[in-house]
Amino acid sequence: MAFELPLTDTALLLQQSLQRFLTDHPKPGWRDLAELGLMAVGIPEGSGGVGGEAIERATIMAELGPALAGSDWLSHHLGASLLARLAPDHGLLGALAAGEARIAVAFGDSGEVPLVAGAAAADWLVLCGAARTLLVKADAAGLSRRQRAMLDGTLSADLSIAAGIESDTVLAEGANAAAARCWALDARNAALCAEAAGLMARMLTDTATYLQQRKQFGVPIATFQVLRHRLADMQMALLKAEGLTERAVLREGGEGWGHAVSAAVVETIDAVRSVGEGAVQLHGGMGVTEELALGGQFKRGLAIGATLGSKSGHLARHAELA
């Protein structure tokens, strides 16, 4: 990870553990991540967790990005963090911290909620509506799930939620529910920007290595000026996205946080496509084969851009909050 964040002791330990583990296990599963203690992040120590907030979240997502393992973890983390914020004594927190139960967050409490990350295998759902936040069992009456296999290889689910769904717990209502939804959306978007930064850094590194190895006319193609310029453009796009993402992470919960998140989102949507397309093109036909991890990373980058939403919407929000 190229971020220059002031890592806490917890974040540094998680980063080092992840880097060592991913070196030998490039495609970790849910149980692998639980055994590393990642499910406990965001849950207070008194409830079986290890604490941690924005910096720990961004650090983990940047490391998990190239392994294509961040989507389900983030949804679980946000759901568990919301539960810990709104019901700090809830008995479910211990099982969530240990990875014995899975939770996901959905931004809606009734009607159709499409493409909910992590919901396909979740045992519980936090439904973040505009006026209420509910904790429901994934098999509750009034809720149905339809699994969707995504282009980037992840699984999501379309939810159909009845207006009178049976709720295990009403976590928040009114202004408190609106604030919880706003926090979860901005925290998710900042974390996705961090994941995209991790993806871009890996794609850029692998592309630079490939250009040094591939030769034409007896010399590495990395010496060709036009390719060096293309690589420099990719590097600049990554640096701008990283810088704004760092700002969004460090401002979490403070003044100007929403403004910082929207700025990071706008830059990341452009950067992740630019870097991904550049990496694929510079690899030639190999860039889209199953032989290389690059193809899956590029698809995940495009999925992140789509999940972040409309660039025009974030530009309007950025202008409004400036």
C-alpha atoms as a PDB file:
ATOM      1  CA  MET A   1       0.000   0.000   0.000  1.00  0.00           C
ATOM      2  CA  ALA A   2       1.373   3.427  -0.969  1.00  0.00           C
ATOM      3  CA  PHE A   3      -0.802   5.439   1.440  1.00  0.00           C
ATOM      4  CA  GLU A   4       0.971   7.728   3.866  1.00  0.00           C
ATOM      5  CA  LEU A   5      -1.517   7.273   6.695  1.00  0.00           C
ATOM      6  CA  PRO A   6      -0.498   7.564  10.353  1.00  0.00           C
ATOM      7  CA  LEU A   7      -0.984   3.873  11.101  1.00  0.00           C
ATOM      8  CA  THR A   8      -2.120   2.915  14.579  1.00  0.00           C
ATOM      9  CA  ASP A   9      -0.533  -0.092  16.274  1.00  0.00           C
ATOM     10  CA  THR A  10      -3.597  -2.139  15.339  1.00  0.00           C
ATOM     11  CA  ALA A  11      -3.502  -1.001  11.704  1.00  0.00           C
ATOM     12  CA  LEU A  12       0.217  -1.735  11.408  1.00  0.00           C
ATOM     13  CA  LEU A  13      -0.222  -5.218  12.876  1.00  0.00           C
ATOM     14  CA  LEU A  14      -3.127  -5.959  10.543  1.00  0.00           C
ATOM     15  CA  GLN A  15      -1.199  -4.677   7.534  1.00  0.00           C
ATOM     16  CA  GLN A  16       1.877  -6.780   8.280  1.00  0.00           C
ATOM     17  CA  SER A  17      -0.187  -9.885   8.987  1.00  0.00           C
ATOM     18  CA  LEU A  18      -2.142  -9.462   5.763  1.00  0.00           C
ATOM     19  CA  GLN A  19       0.940  -8.878   3.646  1.00  0.00           C
ATOM     20  CA  ARG A  20       2.623 -12.024   4.977  1.00  0.00           C
ATOM     21  CA  PHE A  21      -0.505 -14.110   4.570  1.00  0.00           C
ATOM     22  CA  LEU A  22      -1.378 -12.890   1.071  1.00  0.00           C
ATOM     23  CA  THR A  23       2.131 -13.663  -0.155  1.00  0.00           C
ATOM     24  CA  ASP A  24       1.396 -17.379   0.323  1.00  0.00           C
ATOM     25  CA  HIS A  25      -2.403 -17.273  -0.054  1.00  0.00           C
ATOM     26  CA  PRO A  26      -3.245 -14.900  -2.920  1.00  0.00           C
ATOM     27  CA  LYS A  27      -6.952 -15.863  -2.891  1.00  0.00           C
ATOM     28  CA  PRO A  28      -8.090 -15.930   0.764  1.00  0.00           C
ATOM     29  CA  GLY A  29     -11.518 -17.168   1.801  1.00  0.00           C
ATOM     30  CA  TRP A  30     -13.862 -16.040   4.554  1.00  0.00           C
ATOM     31  CA  ARG A  31     -12.437 -18.410   7.157  1.00  0.00           C
ATOM     32  CA  ASP A  32      -8.892 -17.282   6.338  1.00  0.00           C
ATOM     33  CA  LEU A  33      -9.797 -13.651   6.994  1.00  0.00           C
ATOM     34  CA  ALA A  34     -11.642 -14.554  10.196  1.00  0.00           C
ATOM     35  CA  GLU A  35      -8.620 -16.443  11.518  1.00  0.00           C
ATOM     36  CA  LEU A  36      -6.505 -13.350  10.867  1.00  0.00           C
ATOM     37  CA  GLY A  37      -8.865 -11.407  13.132  1.00  0.00           C
ATOM     38  CA  LEU A  38     -10.292  -9.128  10.438  1.00  0.00           C
ATOM     39  CA  MET A  39     -13.917  -9.738  11.423  1.00  0.00           C
ATOM     40  CA  ALA A  40     -13.217  -8.205  14.834  1.00  0.00           C
ATOM     41  CA  VAL A  41     -12.195  -4.826  13.382  1.00  0.00           C
ATOM     42  CA  GLY A  42     -14.744  -2.114  14.162  1.00  0.00           C
ATOM     43  CA  ILE A  43     -16.166  -3.980  17.162  1.00  0.00           C
ATOM     44  CA  PRO A  44     -15.163  -2.726  20.651  1.00  0.00           C
ATOM     45  CA  GLU A  45     -12.801  -4.839  22.729  1.00  0.00           C
ATOM     46  CA  GLY A  46     -15.471  -5.277  25.389  1.00  0.00           C
ATOM     47  CA  SER A  47     -17.636  -7.103  22.831  1.00  0.00           C
ATOM     48  CA  GLY A  48     -14.877  -9.390  21.591  1.00  0.00           C
ATOM     49  CA  GLY A  49     -13.468  -7.108  18.911  1.00  0.00           C
ATOM     50  CA  VAL A  50     -10.238  -5.203  18.464  1.00  0.00           C
ATOM     51  CA  GLY A  51     -11.671  -1.745  17.813  1.00  0.00           C
ATOM     52  CA  GLY A  52     -10.428   0.245  14.874  1.00  0.00           C
ATOM     53  CA  GLU A  53     -12.115   2.689  12.534  1.00  0.00           C
ATOM     54  CA  ALA A  54     -11.242   4.596   9.374  1.00  0.00           C
ATOM     55  CA  ILE A  55      -7.475   4.022   9.227  1.00  0.00           C
ATOM     56  CA  GLU A  56      -7.761   0.302   9.973  1.00  0.00           C
ATOM     57  CA  ARG A  57     -10.579  -0.040   7.430  1.00  0.00           C
ATOM     58  CA  ALA A  58      -8.626   1.706   4.677  1.00  0.00           C
ATOM     59  CA  THR A  59      -5.464  -0.256   5.434  1.00  0.00           C
ATOM     60  CA  ILE A  60      -7.276  -3.587   5.189  1.00  0.00           C
ATOM     61  CA  MET A  61      -9.141  -2.687   2.006  1.00  0.00           C
ATOM     62  CA  ALA A  62      -5.985  -1.520   0.233  1.00  0.00           C
ATOM     63  CA  GLU A  63      -4.292  -4.844   1.036  1.00  0.00           C
ATOM     64  CA  LEU A  64      -7.324  -6.989   0.156  1.00  0.00           C
ATOM     65  CA  GLY A  65      -7.943  -5.136  -3.116  1.00  0.00           C
ATOM     66  CA  PRO A  66      -5.441  -6.988  -5.339  1.00  0.00           C
ATOM     67  CA  ALA A  67      -6.624 -10.315  -3.855  1.00  0.00           C
ATOM     68  CA  LEU A  68     -10.237  -9.477  -4.837  1.00  0.00           C
ATOM     69  CA  ALA A  69     -11.291 -10.243  -1.255  1.00  0.00           C
ATOM     70  CA  GLY A  70     -12.486  -6.870   0.004  1.00  0.00           C
ATOM     71  CA  SER A  71     -16.153  -6.789  -1.020  1.00  0.00           C
ATOM     72  CA  ASP A  72     -17.705  -9.247   1.465  1.00  0.00           C
ATOM     73  CA  TRP A  73     -15.363  -8.196   4.264  1.00  0.00           C
ATOM     74  CA  LEU A  74     -16.326  -4.526   3.918  1.00  0.00           C
ATOM     75  CA  SER A  75     -20.050  -5.254   4.018  1.00  0.00           C
ATOM     76  CA  HIS A  76     -19.574  -7.403   7.136  1.00  0.00           C
ATOM     77  CA  HIS A  77     -17.376  -4.758   8.765  1.00  0.00           C
ATOM     78  CA  LEU A  78     -19.864  -1.951   8.122  1.00  0.00           C
ATOM     79  CA  GLY A  79     -22.788  -4.012   9.381  1.00  0.00           C
ATOM     80  CA  ALA A  80     -20.919  -5.018  12.543  1.00  0.00           C
ATOM     81  CA  SER A  81     -19.679  -1.459  13.093  1.00  0.00           C
ATOM     82  CA  LEU A  82     -23.201  -0.059  12.756  1.00  0.00           C
ATOM     83  CA  LEU A  83     -24.513  -2.606  15.221  1.00  0.00           C
ATOM     84  CA  ALA A  84     -21.712  -1.750  17.655  1.00  0.00           C
ATOM     85  CA  ARG A  85     -22.471   1.980  17.311  1.00  0.00           C
ATOM     86  CA  LEU A  86     -26.236   1.701  17.694  1.00  0.00           C
ATOM     87  CA  ALA A  87     -26.521  -1.272  20.094  1.00  0.00           C
ATOM     88  CA  PRO A  88     -23.123  -1.634  21.832  1.00  0.00           C
ATOM     89  CA  ASP A  89     -24.379  -4.343  24.201  1.00  0.00           C
ATOM     90  CA  HIS A  90     -26.035  -6.535  21.558  1.00  0.00           C
ATOM     91  CA  GLY A  91     -25.310 -10.236  22.075  1.00  0.00           C
ATOM     92  CA  LEU A  92     -24.606 -10.845  18.381  1.00  0.00           C
ATOM     93  CA  LEU A  93     -21.387  -8.810  18.385  1.00  0.00           C
ATOM     94  CA  GLY A  94     -19.231 -11.601  19.833  1.00  0.00           C
ATOM     95  CA  ALA A  95     -20.219 -14.057  17.109  1.00  0.00           C
ATOM     96  CA  LEU A  96     -19.637 -11.410  14.418  1.00  0.00           C
ATOM     97  CA  ALA A  97     -16.169 -10.601  15.793  1.00  0.00           C
ATOM     98  CA  ALA A  98     -15.205 -14.273  15.723  1.00  0.00           C
ATOM     99  CA  GLY A  99     -16.540 -14.775  12.203  1.00  0.00           C
ATOM    100  CA  GLU A 100     -19.050 -17.331  13.470  1.00  0.00           C
ATOM    101  CA  ALA A 101     -21.901 -15.241  12.051  1.00  0.00           C
ATOM    102  CA  ARG A 102     -21.916 -13.077   8.941  1.00  0.00           C
ATOM    103  CA  ILE A 103     -23.650  -9.758   8.487  1.00  0.00           C
ATOM    104  CA  ALA A 104     -24.110  -7.369   5.569  1.00  0.00           C
ATOM    105  CA  VAL A 105     -25.408  -3.836   5.207  1.00  0.00           C
ATOM    106  CA  ALA A 106     -28.118  -2.825   2.725  1.00  0.00           C
ATOM    107  CA  PHE A 107     -29.085   0.759   1.958  1.00  0.00           C
ATOM    108  CA  GLY A 108     -32.845   0.432   2.097  1.00  0.00           C
ATOM    109  CA  ASP A 109     -35.478  -0.944   4.488  1.00  0.00           C
ATOM    110  CA  SER A 110     -38.297  -1.781   2.068  1.00  0.00           C
ATOM    111  CA  GLY A 111     -38.905  -2.528  -1.588  1.00  0.00           C
ATOM    112  CA  GLU A 112     -36.206  -3.715  -3.972  1.00  0.00           C
ATOM    113  CA  VAL A 113     -32.567  -3.228  -2.974  1.00  0.00           C
ATOM    114  CA  PRO A 114     -30.280  -4.494  -5.771  1.00  0.00           C
ATOM    115  CA  LEU A 115     -26.719  -5.807  -5.672  1.00  0.00           C
ATOM    116  CA  VAL A 116     -26.090  -5.899  -1.926  1.00  0.00           C
ATOM    117  CA  ALA A 117     -22.467  -6.936  -1.360  1.00  0.00           C
ATOM    118  CA  GLY A 118     -22.022  -9.765   1.111  1.00  0.00           C
ATOM    119  CA  ALA A 119     -25.753 -10.459   1.361  1.00  0.00           C
ATOM    120  CA  ALA A 120     -25.601 -13.745  -0.560  1.00  0.00           C
ATOM    121  CA  ALA A 121     -23.964 -15.589   2.359  1.00  0.00           C
ATOM    122  CA  ALA A 122     -24.986 -13.341   5.277  1.00  0.00           C
ATOM    123  CA  ASP A 123     -26.818 -14.649   8.344  1.00  0.00           C
ATOM    124  CA  TRP A 124     -27.979 -11.157   9.355  1.00  0.00           C
ATOM    125  CA  LEU A 125     -28.685  -7.885   7.577  1.00  0.00           C
ATOM    126  CA  VAL A 126     -28.599  -4.275   8.721  1.00  0.00           C
ATOM    127  CA  LEU A 127     -31.190  -2.392   6.669  1.00  0.00           C
ATOM    128  CA  CYS A 128     -30.325   1.306   6.500  1.00  0.00           C
ATOM    129  CA  GLY A 129     -33.415   3.232   5.492  1.00  0.00           C
ATOM    130  CA  ALA A 130     -33.897   6.987   5.485  1.00  0.00           C
ATOM    131  CA  ALA A 131     -36.033   6.907   8.629  1.00  0.00           C
ATOM    132  CA  ARG A 132     -35.135   3.642  10.382  1.00  0.00           C
ATOM    133  CA  THR A 133     -32.281   1.200  10.765  1.00  0.00           C
ATOM    134  CA  LEU A 134     -33.242  -2.433  11.271  1.00  0.00           C
ATOM    135  CA  LEU A 135     -31.403  -5.600  12.233  1.00  0.00           C
ATOM    136  CA  VAL A 136     -33.071  -8.602  10.608  1.00  0.00           C
ATOM    137  CA  LYS A 137     -32.276 -12.249  10.078  1.00  0.00           C
ATOM    138  CA  ALA A 138     -31.431 -13.065   6.493  1.00  0.00           C
ATOM    139  CA  ASP A 139     -34.216 -15.653   6.430  1.00  0.00           C
ATOM    140  CA  ALA A 140     -36.812 -13.388   8.082  1.00  0.00           C
ATOM    141  CA  ALA A 141     -40.385 -13.459   6.865  1.00  0.00           C
ATOM    142  CA  GLY A 142     -40.918 -10.664   4.396  1.00  0.00           C
ATOM    143  CA  LEU A 143     -37.376 -10.761   2.990  1.00  0.00           C
ATOM    144  CA  SER A 144     -36.167 -12.673  -0.032  1.00  0.00           C
ATOM    145  CA  ARG A 145     -32.727 -12.881  -1.632  1.00  0.00           C
ATOM    146  CA  ARG A 146     -31.676 -13.668  -5.170  1.00  0.00           C
ATOM    147  CA  GLN A 147     -27.965 -14.339  -5.663  1.00  0.00           C
ATOM    148  CA  ARG A 148     -26.120 -12.552  -8.440  1.00  0.00           C
ATOM    149  CA  ALA A 149     -22.700 -13.551  -9.763  1.00  0.00           C
ATOM    150  CA  MET A 150     -20.871 -10.353 -10.661  1.00  0.00           C
ATOM    151  CA  LEU A 151     -18.474  -9.750 -13.546  1.00  0.00           C
ATOM    152  CA  ASP A 152     -15.587  -9.304 -11.096  1.00  0.00           C
ATOM    153  CA  GLY A 153     -16.151 -12.772  -9.608  1.00  0.00           C
ATOM    154  CA  THR A 154     -17.868 -11.642  -6.397  1.00  0.00           C
ATOM    155  CA  LEU A 155     -21.327 -12.701  -5.246  1.00  0.00           C
ATOM    156  CA  SER A 156     -24.009 -10.202  -4.349  1.00  0.00           C
ATOM    157  CA  ALA A 157     -27.745 -10.488  -3.816  1.00  0.00           C
ATOM    158  CA  ASP A 158     -30.847  -8.597  -4.834  1.00  0.00           C
ATOM    159  CA  LEU A 159     -33.125  -8.081  -1.823  1.00  0.00           C
ATOM    160  CA  SER A 160     -36.893  -7.816  -1.841  1.00  0.00           C
ATOM    161  CA  ILE A 161     -38.060  -6.354   1.470  1.00  0.00           C
ATOM    162  CA  ALA A 162     -41.718  -6.220   2.492  1.00  0.00           C
ATOM    163  CA  ALA A 163     -42.934  -2.993   4.097  1.00  0.00           C
ATOM    164  CA  GLY A 164     -43.957  -4.842   7.263  1.00  0.00           C
ATOM    165  CA  ILE A 165     -40.861  -6.999   7.589  1.00  0.00           C
ATOM    166  CA  GLU A 166     -40.303  -8.682  10.943  1.00  0.00           C
ATOM    167  CA  SER A 167     -37.356  -6.931  12.601  1.00  0.00           C
ATOM    168  CA  ASP A 168     -35.226  -8.513  15.305  1.00  0.00           C
ATOM    169  CA  THR A 169     -34.194  -5.056  16.514  1.00  0.00           C
ATOM    170  CA  VAL A 170     -34.973  -1.476  15.552  1.00  0.00           C
ATOM    171  CA  LEU A 171     -31.517   0.036  15.890  1.00  0.00           C
ATOM    172  CA  ALA A 172     -32.394   3.652  15.133  1.00  0.00           C
ATOM    173  CA  GLU A 173     -35.232   5.860  13.957  1.00  0.00           C
ATOM    174  CA  GLY A 174     -35.646   9.373  12.631  1.00  0.00           C
ATOM    175  CA  ALA A 175     -32.579  11.612  12.662  1.00  0.00           C
ATOM    176  CA  ASN A 176     -30.418   8.904  14.252  1.00  0.00           C
ATOM    177  CA  ALA A 177     -31.253   6.510  11.420  1.00  0.00           C
ATOM    178  CA  ALA A 178     -30.513   9.157   8.795  1.00  0.00           C
ATOM    179  CA  ALA A 179     -27.144   9.870  10.434  1.00  0.00           C
ATOM    180  CA  ALA A 180     -26.321   6.143  10.562  1.00  0.00           C
ATOM    181  CA  ARG A 181     -27.124   5.747   6.878  1.00  0.00           C
ATOM    182  CA  CYS A 182     -25.013   8.785   5.962  1.00  0.00           C
ATOM    183  CA  TRP A 183     -22.051   7.469   7.981  1.00  0.00           C
ATOM    184  CA  ALA A 184     -22.292   4.014   6.435  1.00  0.00           C
ATOM    185  CA  LEU A 185     -22.442   5.372   2.868  1.00  0.00           C
ATOM    186  CA  ASP A 186     -19.460   7.690   3.302  1.00  0.00           C
ATOM    187  CA  ALA A 187     -17.465   5.045   5.178  1.00  0.00           C
ATOM    188  CA  ARG A 188     -18.195   2.522   2.411  1.00  0.00           C
ATOM    189  CA  ASN A 189     -17.231   4.939  -0.356  1.00  0.00           C
ATOM    190  CA  ALA A 190     -13.965   5.955   1.314  1.00  0.00           C
ATOM    191  CA  ALA A 191     -13.119   2.278   1.859  1.00  0.00           C
ATOM    192  CA  LEU A 192     -13.876   1.451  -1.781  1.00  0.00           C
ATOM    193  CA  CYS A 193     -11.536   4.259  -2.826  1.00  0.00           C
ATOM    194  CA  ALA A 194      -8.853   2.675  -0.633  1.00  0.00           C
ATOM    195  CA  GLU A 195      -9.504  -0.707  -2.251  1.00  0.00           C
ATOM    196  CA  ALA A 196      -9.242   0.890  -5.691  1.00  0.00           C
ATOM    197  CA  ALA A 197      -5.932   2.476  -4.700  1.00  0.00           C
ATOM    198  CA  GLY A 198      -4.593  -0.936  -3.708  1.00  0.00           C
ATOM    199  CA  LEU A 199      -5.762  -2.401  -7.010  1.00  0.00           C
ATOM    200  CA  MET A 200      -4.231   0.415  -9.037  1.00  0.00           C
ATOM    201  CA  ALA A 201      -0.909   0.193  -7.215  1.00  0.00           C
ATOM    202  CA  ARG A 202      -0.665  -3.531  -7.989  1.00  0.00           C
ATOM    203  CA  MET A 203      -1.692  -3.102 -11.628  1.00  0.00           C
ATOM    204  CA  LEU A 204       0.861  -0.321 -12.065  1.00  0.00           C
ATOM    205  CA  THR A 205       3.676  -2.321 -10.444  1.00  0.00           C
ATOM    206  CA  ASP A 206       2.923  -5.437 -12.499  1.00  0.00           C
ATOM    207  CA  THR A 207       2.732  -3.400 -15.695  1.00  0.00           C
ATOM    208  CA  ALA A 208       6.070  -1.695 -15.046  1.00  0.00           C
ATOM    209  CA  THR A 209       7.646  -5.110 -14.417  1.00  0.00           C
ATOM    210  CA  TYR A 210       6.162  -6.517 -17.622  1.00  0.00           C
ATOM    211  CA  LEU A 211       7.477  -3.593 -19.684  1.00  0.00           C
ATOM    212  CA  GLN A 212      10.977  -4.289 -18.360  1.00  0.00           C
ATOM    213  CA  GLN A 213      10.730  -7.992 -19.235  1.00  0.00           C
ATOM    214  CA  ARG A 214       9.122  -7.742 -22.686  1.00  0.00           C
ATOM    215  CA  LYS A 215      11.606  -6.941 -25.458  1.00  0.00           C
ATOM    216  CA  GLN A 216      11.290  -5.696 -29.008  1.00  0.00           C
ATOM    217  CA  PHE A 217      14.189  -4.879 -31.330  1.00  0.00           C
ATOM    218  CA  GLY A 218      16.492  -6.316 -28.660  1.00  0.00           C
ATOM    219  CA  VAL A 219      15.577  -3.806 -25.926  1.00  0.00           C
ATOM    220  CA  PRO A 220      12.935  -3.721 -23.156  1.00  0.00           C
ATOM    221  CA  ILE A 221       9.797  -1.965 -24.345  1.00  0.00           C
ATOM    222  CA  ALA A 222       9.977   0.082 -21.132  1.00  0.00           C
ATOM    223  CA  THR A 223      12.568   2.186 -22.964  1.00  0.00           C
ATOM    224  CA  PHE A 224      10.005   3.301 -25.573  1.00  0.00           C
ATOM    225  CA  GLN A 225       9.118   6.901 -24.855  1.00  0.00           C
ATOM    226  CA  VAL A 226       5.423   6.618 -25.677  1.00  0.00           C
ATOM    227  CA  LEU A 227       5.016   3.709 -23.232  1.00  0.00           C
ATOM    228  CA  ARG A 228       6.942   5.561 -20.544  1.00  0.00           C
ATOM    229  CA  HIS A 229       4.602   8.519 -20.973  1.00  0.00           C
ATOM    230  CA  ARG A 230       1.571   6.235 -20.678  1.00  0.00           C
ATOM    231  CA  LEU A 231       2.964   4.711 -17.486  1.00  0.00           C
ATOM    232  CA  ALA A 232       3.628   8.186 -16.087  1.00  0.00           C
ATOM    233  CA  ASP A 233       0.013   9.195 -16.767  1.00  0.00           C
ATOM    234  CA  MET A 234      -1.183   6.100 -14.893  1.00  0.00           C
ATOM    235  CA  GLN A 235       1.116   6.924 -11.986  1.00  0.00           C
ATOM    236  CA  MET A 236      -0.206  10.491 -11.815  1.00  0.00           C
ATOM    237  CA  ALA A 237      -3.820   9.280 -11.788  1.00  0.00           C
ATOM    238  CA  LEU A 238      -3.018   6.898  -8.928  1.00  0.00           C
ATOM    239  CA  LEU A 239      -1.232   9.582  -6.903  1.00  0.00           C
ATOM    240  CA  LYS A 240      -4.150  12.012  -7.182  1.00  0.00           C
ATOM    241  CA  ALA A 241      -6.677   9.359  -6.151  1.00  0.00           C
ATOM    242  CA  GLU A 242      -4.477   8.218  -3.260  1.00  0.00           C
ATOM    243  CA  GLY A 243      -4.021  11.736  -1.956  1.00  0.00           C
ATOM    244  CA  LEU A 244      -7.734  12.519  -1.904  1.00  0.00           C
ATOM    245  CA  THR A 245      -8.529   9.120  -0.399  1.00  0.00           C
ATOM    246  CA  GLU A 246      -6.044   9.748   2.431  1.00  0.00           C
ATOM    247  CA  ARG A 247      -7.798  13.050   3.099  1.00  0.00           C
ATOM    248  CA  ALA A 248     -11.207  11.367   3.202  1.00  0.00           C
ATOM    249  CA  VAL A 249      -9.968   8.650   5.570  1.00  0.00           C
ATOM    250  CA  LEU A 250      -8.352  11.095   7.989  1.00  0.00           C
ATOM    251  CA  ARG A 251     -11.431  13.342   8.134  1.00  0.00           C
ATOM    252  CA  GLU A 252     -13.917  10.602   9.002  1.00  0.00           C
ATOM    253  CA  GLY A 253     -16.621  11.906  11.301  1.00  0.00           C
ATOM    254  CA  GLY A 254     -15.189  15.431  11.328  1.00  0.00           C
ATOM    255  CA  GLU A 255     -15.924  18.695   9.592  1.00  0.00           C
ATOM    256  CA  GLY A 256     -15.723  18.434   5.810  1.00  0.00           C
ATOM    257  CA  TRP A 257     -15.796  14.639   5.736  1.00  0.00           C
ATOM    258  CA  GLY A 258     -18.598  14.350   3.170  1.00  0.00           C
ATOM    259  CA  HIS A 259     -16.882  16.917   0.973  1.00  0.00           C
ATOM    260  CA  ALA A 260     -13.604  14.970   1.169  1.00  0.00           C
ATOM    261  CA  VAL A 261     -15.301  11.643   0.384  1.00  0.00           C
ATOM    262  CA  SER A 262     -17.039  12.987  -2.719  1.00  0.00           C
ATOM    263  CA  ALA A 263     -13.744  14.483  -3.952  1.00  0.00           C
ATOM    264  CA  ALA A 264     -12.021  11.112  -3.513  1.00  0.00           C
ATOM    265  CA  VAL A 265     -14.862   9.311  -5.269  1.00  0.00           C
ATOM    266  CA  VAL A 266     -14.784  11.600  -8.322  1.00  0.00           C
ATOM    267  CA  GLU A 267     -11.025  11.183  -8.729  1.00  0.00           C
ATOM    268  CA  THR A 268     -11.130   7.419  -8.097  1.00  0.00           C
ATOM    269  CA  ILE A 269     -13.875   6.738 -10.654  1.00  0.00           C
ATOM    270  CA  ASP A 270     -11.693   8.282 -13.377  1.00  0.00           C
ATOM    271  CA  ALA A 271      -8.386   6.912 -12.101  1.00  0.00           C
ATOM    272  CA  VAL A 272      -9.370   3.271 -11.681  1.00  0.00           C
ATOM    273  CA  ARG A 273     -10.644   3.110 -15.260  1.00  0.00           C
ATOM    274  CA  SER A 274      -7.631   4.980 -16.651  1.00  0.00           C
ATOM    275  CA  VAL A 275      -5.079   2.847 -14.797  1.00  0.00           C
ATOM    276  CA  GLY A 276      -6.924  -0.398 -15.501  1.00  0.00           C
ATOM    277  CA  GLU A 277      -7.326   0.279 -19.209  1.00  0.00           C
ATOM    278  CA  GLY A 278      -3.703   1.359 -19.454  1.00  0.00           C
ATOM    279  CA  ALA A 279      -2.472  -1.775 -17.710  1.00  0.00           C
ATOM    280  CA  VAL A 280      -4.526  -4.066 -19.942  1.00  0.00           C
ATOM    281  CA  GLN A 281      -3.477  -2.283 -23.127  1.00  0.00           C
ATOM    282  CA  LEU A 282       0.220  -2.232 -22.214  1.00  0.00           C
ATOM    283  CA  HIS A 283       0.069  -5.988 -21.553  1.00  0.00           C
ATOM    284  CA  GLY A 284      -1.428  -6.542 -24.988  1.00  0.00           C
ATOM    285  CA  GLY A 285      -3.646  -9.592 -25.458  1.00  0.00           C
ATOM    286  CA  MET A 286      -2.314 -11.151 -22.242  1.00  0.00           C
ATOM    287  CA  GLY A 287      -4.057  -8.452 -20.218  1.00  0.00           C
ATOM    288  CA  VAL A 288      -7.471 -10.065 -20.555  1.00  0.00           C
ATOM    289  CA  THR A 289      -6.480 -13.719 -20.177  1.00  0.00           C
ATOM    290  CA  GLU A 290      -7.169 -15.888 -17.146  1.00  0.00           C
ATOM    291  CA  GLU A 291      -3.448 -16.533 -16.935  1.00  0.00           C
ATOM    292  CA  LEU A 292      -2.859 -13.137 -15.322  1.00  0.00           C
ATOM    293  CA  ALA A 293      -4.504 -11.670 -12.225  1.00  0.00           C
ATOM    294  CA  LEU A 294      -4.719  -8.356 -14.059  1.00  0.00           C
ATOM    295  CA  GLY A 295      -7.967  -9.181 -15.861  1.00  0.00           C
ATOM    296  CA  GLY A 296      -9.828  -9.861 -12.616  1.00  0.00           C
ATOM    297  CA  GLN A 297      -8.335  -6.771 -10.977  1.00  0.00           C
ATOM    298  CA  PHE A 298      -9.452  -4.578 -13.872  1.00  0.00           C
ATOM    299  CA  LYS A 299     -12.989  -5.972 -13.668  1.00  0.00           C
ATOM    300  CA  ARG A 300     -13.059  -5.362  -9.919  1.00  0.00           C
ATOM    301  CA  GLY A 301     -11.892  -1.795 -10.505  1.00  0.00           C
ATOM    302  CA  LEU A 302     -14.769  -1.203 -12.917  1.00  0.00           C
ATOM    303  CA  ALA A 303     -17.190  -2.714 -10.379  1.00  0.00           C
ATOM    304  CA  ILE A 304     -15.895  -0.339  -7.700  1.00  0.00           C
ATOM    305  CA  GLY A 305     -16.442   2.608 -10.024  1.00  0.00           C
ATOM    306  CA  ALA A 306     -20.024   1.503 -10.650  1.00  0.00           C
ATOM    307  CA  THR A 307     -20.700   0.974  -6.933  1.00  0.00           C
ATOM    308  CA  LEU A 308     -19.424   4.448  -6.063  1.00  0.00           C
ATOM    309  CA  GLY A 309     -22.304   5.867  -8.044  1.00  0.00           C
ATOM    310  CA  SER A 310     -22.803   8.801 -10.355  1.00  0.00           C
ATOM    311  CA  LYS A 311     -19.810  11.083 -10.764  1.00  0.00           C
ATOM    312  CA  SER A 312     -22.141  13.994 -11.500  1.00  0.00           C
ATOM    313  CA  GLY A 313     -23.960  13.345  -8.231  1.00  0.00           C
ATOM    314  CA  HIS A 314     -20.736  13.451  -6.248  1.00  0.00           C
ATOM    315  CA  LEU A 315     -19.596  16.579  -8.117  1.00  0.00           C
ATOM    316  CA  ALA A 316     -22.857  18.292  -7.179  1.00  0.00           C
ATOM    317  CA  ARG A 317     -22.462  17.227  -3.551  1.00  0.00           C
ATOM    318  CA  HIS A 318     -18.844  18.363  -3.543  1.00  0.00           C
ATOM    319  CA  ALA A 319     -19.880  21.803  -4.830  1.00  0.00           C
ATOM    320  CA  GLU A 320     -22.738  22.042  -2.332  1.00  0.00           C
ATOM    321  CA  LEU A 321     -20.496  21.219   0.640  1.00  0.00           C
ATOM    322  CA  ALA A 322     -17.498  23.309  -0.485  1.00  0.00           C
END
